[in-house]
């Protein structure tokens, strides 16, 4: 029984810390929108990592200032491979990408 309570306490402690971390992460991303990728171009490398600039045509603003388009630079071979015509739900902070979830493929 003592081991069970220790595991439950540890699990609860870890999950509450995770929730706080998620909340603070979301606060730093004031923009959220659904958008279509209209163009993806290589950016001249000024850093160690090659980048691409992704142009979005915004379909719907979910959070933040209402915009019609947005450009964001991301690492070229990063976790999200943007393609023209795909639709994403995007969270950003100015020109920084916080998250992108594929909403619809071409």
Protein backbone atom coordinates (compact mmCIF):
# COMPACT_ATOMS: atom_id res chain seq x y z
CA UNK A 1 0.00 0.00 0.00
CA UNK A 2 2.87 2.40 0.80
CA UNK A 3 4.36 1.83 -2.67
CA UNK A 4 0.99 2.45 -4.31
CA UNK A 5 0.59 5.82 -2.54
CA UNK A 6 4.14 6.82 -3.48
CA UNK A 7 3.48 6.06 -7.17
CA UNK A 8 0.15 7.91 -7.14
CA UNK A 9 1.76 10.93 -5.45
CA UNK A 10 4.67 10.94 -7.90
CA UNK A 11 2.33 10.61 -10.89
CA UNK A 12 0.13 13.45 -9.65
CA UNK A 13 3.14 15.69 -8.99
CA UNK A 14 4.60 15.05 -12.45
CA UNK A 15 1.28 15.59 -14.23
CA UNK A 16 0.63 18.91 -12.47
CA UNK A 17 4.11 20.16 -13.43
CA UNK A 18 3.45 19.13 -17.03
CA UNK A 19 0.18 21.04 -17.04
CA UNK A 20 1.90 24.21 -15.83
CA UNK A 21 4.60 23.87 -18.48
CA UNK A 22 1.98 23.49 -21.21
CA UNK A 23 0.07 26.52 -19.95
CA UNK A 24 3.13 28.78 -19.94
CA UNK A 25 4.07 27.54 -23.43
CA UNK A 26 0.61 28.45 -24.74
CA UNK A 27 0.80 31.92 -23.22
CA UNK A 28 3.91 32.66 -25.28
CA UNK A 29 2.06 31.90 -28.54
CA UNK A 30 -0.57 34.63 -28.89
CA UNK A 31 -1.54 33.83 -32.49
CA UNK A 32 -3.51 30.81 -33.66
CA UNK A 33 -5.04 30.37 -37.09
CA UNK A 34 -6.08 27.91 -39.78
CA UNK A 35 -4.26 28.60 -43.05
CA UNK A 36 -3.33 27.23 -46.45
CA UNK A 37 0.34 27.03 -47.41
CA UNK A 38 0.69 29.10 -50.59
CA UNK A 39 4.47 29.01 -51.06
CA UNK A 40 7.59 27.43 -49.58
CA UNK A 41 10.97 28.96 -50.52
CA UNK A 42 14.54 28.33 -49.44
CA UNK A 43 16.04 31.20 -47.45
CA UNK A 44 19.66 32.20 -47.96
CA UNK A 45 21.54 30.61 -45.07
CA UNK A 46 22.67 33.16 -42.49
CA UNK A 47 22.97 30.51 -39.79
CA UNK A 48 24.20 26.94 -39.41
CA UNK A 49 20.77 25.51 -40.23
CA UNK A 50 19.15 25.94 -43.66
CA UNK A 51 15.71 27.51 -43.47
CA UNK A 52 12.59 27.86 -45.58
CA UNK A 53 10.08 30.68 -45.58
CA UNK A 54 6.49 29.47 -45.53
CA UNK A 55 3.73 31.75 -46.83
CA UNK A 56 0.27 31.17 -45.37
CA UNK A 57 -3.10 32.44 -46.60
CA UNK A 58 -5.21 32.61 -43.44
CA UNK A 59 -8.64 31.03 -43.63
CA UNK A 60 -9.71 31.69 -40.04
CA UNK A 61 -8.12 33.47 -37.07
CA UNK A 62 -8.68 31.53 -33.86
CA UNK A 63 -6.63 33.72 -31.50
CA UNK A 64 -4.88 37.07 -31.85
CA UNK A 65 -5.00 39.85 -34.41
CA UNK A 66 -6.99 39.08 -37.55
CA UNK A 67 -4.59 38.76 -40.50
CA UNK A 68 -5.05 37.69 -44.12
CA UNK A 69 -1.56 36.26 -44.65
CA UNK A 70 1.54 35.37 -42.66
CA UNK A 71 5.18 34.45 -43.39
CA UNK A 72 7.14 32.25 -41.02
CA UNK A 73 10.70 30.93 -41.33
CA UNK A 74 11.38 27.39 -40.11
CA UNK A 75 14.29 24.95 -40.23
CA UNK A 76 14.31 23.29 -43.65
CA UNK A 77 14.48 19.68 -42.49
CA UNK A 78 12.60 20.22 -39.26
CA UNK A 79 9.73 18.17 -37.86
CA UNK A 80 7.10 19.75 -40.15
CA UNK A 81 7.53 19.50 -43.93
CA UNK A 82 5.24 22.20 -45.34
CA UNK A 83 3.87 21.75 -48.88
CA UNK A 84 1.88 24.22 -50.98
CA UNK A 85 -1.84 23.51 -50.85
CA UNK A 86 -1.87 21.84 -47.44
CA UNK A 87 -3.96 23.35 -44.65
CA UNK A 88 -2.57 23.67 -41.11
CA UNK A 89 -3.67 24.86 -37.72
CA UNK A 90 -0.76 27.11 -36.72
CA UNK A 91 0.26 28.71 -33.43
CA UNK A 92 2.91 31.41 -33.60
CA UNK A 93 4.54 34.27 -31.81
CA UNK A 94 5.21 36.95 -34.42
CA UNK A 95 7.53 35.18 -36.91
CA UNK A 96 8.30 32.19 -34.65
CA UNK A 97 6.43 28.91 -35.12
CA UNK A 98 5.15 27.36 -31.89
CA UNK A 99 3.20 24.48 -33.42
CA UNK A 100 1.69 23.36 -36.70
CA UNK A 101 -0.84 20.57 -37.07
CA UNK A 102 -1.79 19.27 -40.49
CA UNK A 103 -5.50 19.96 -40.96
CA UNK A 104 -5.92 18.75 -44.54
CA UNK A 105 -3.62 17.34 -47.23
CA UNK A 106 -3.78 18.27 -50.90
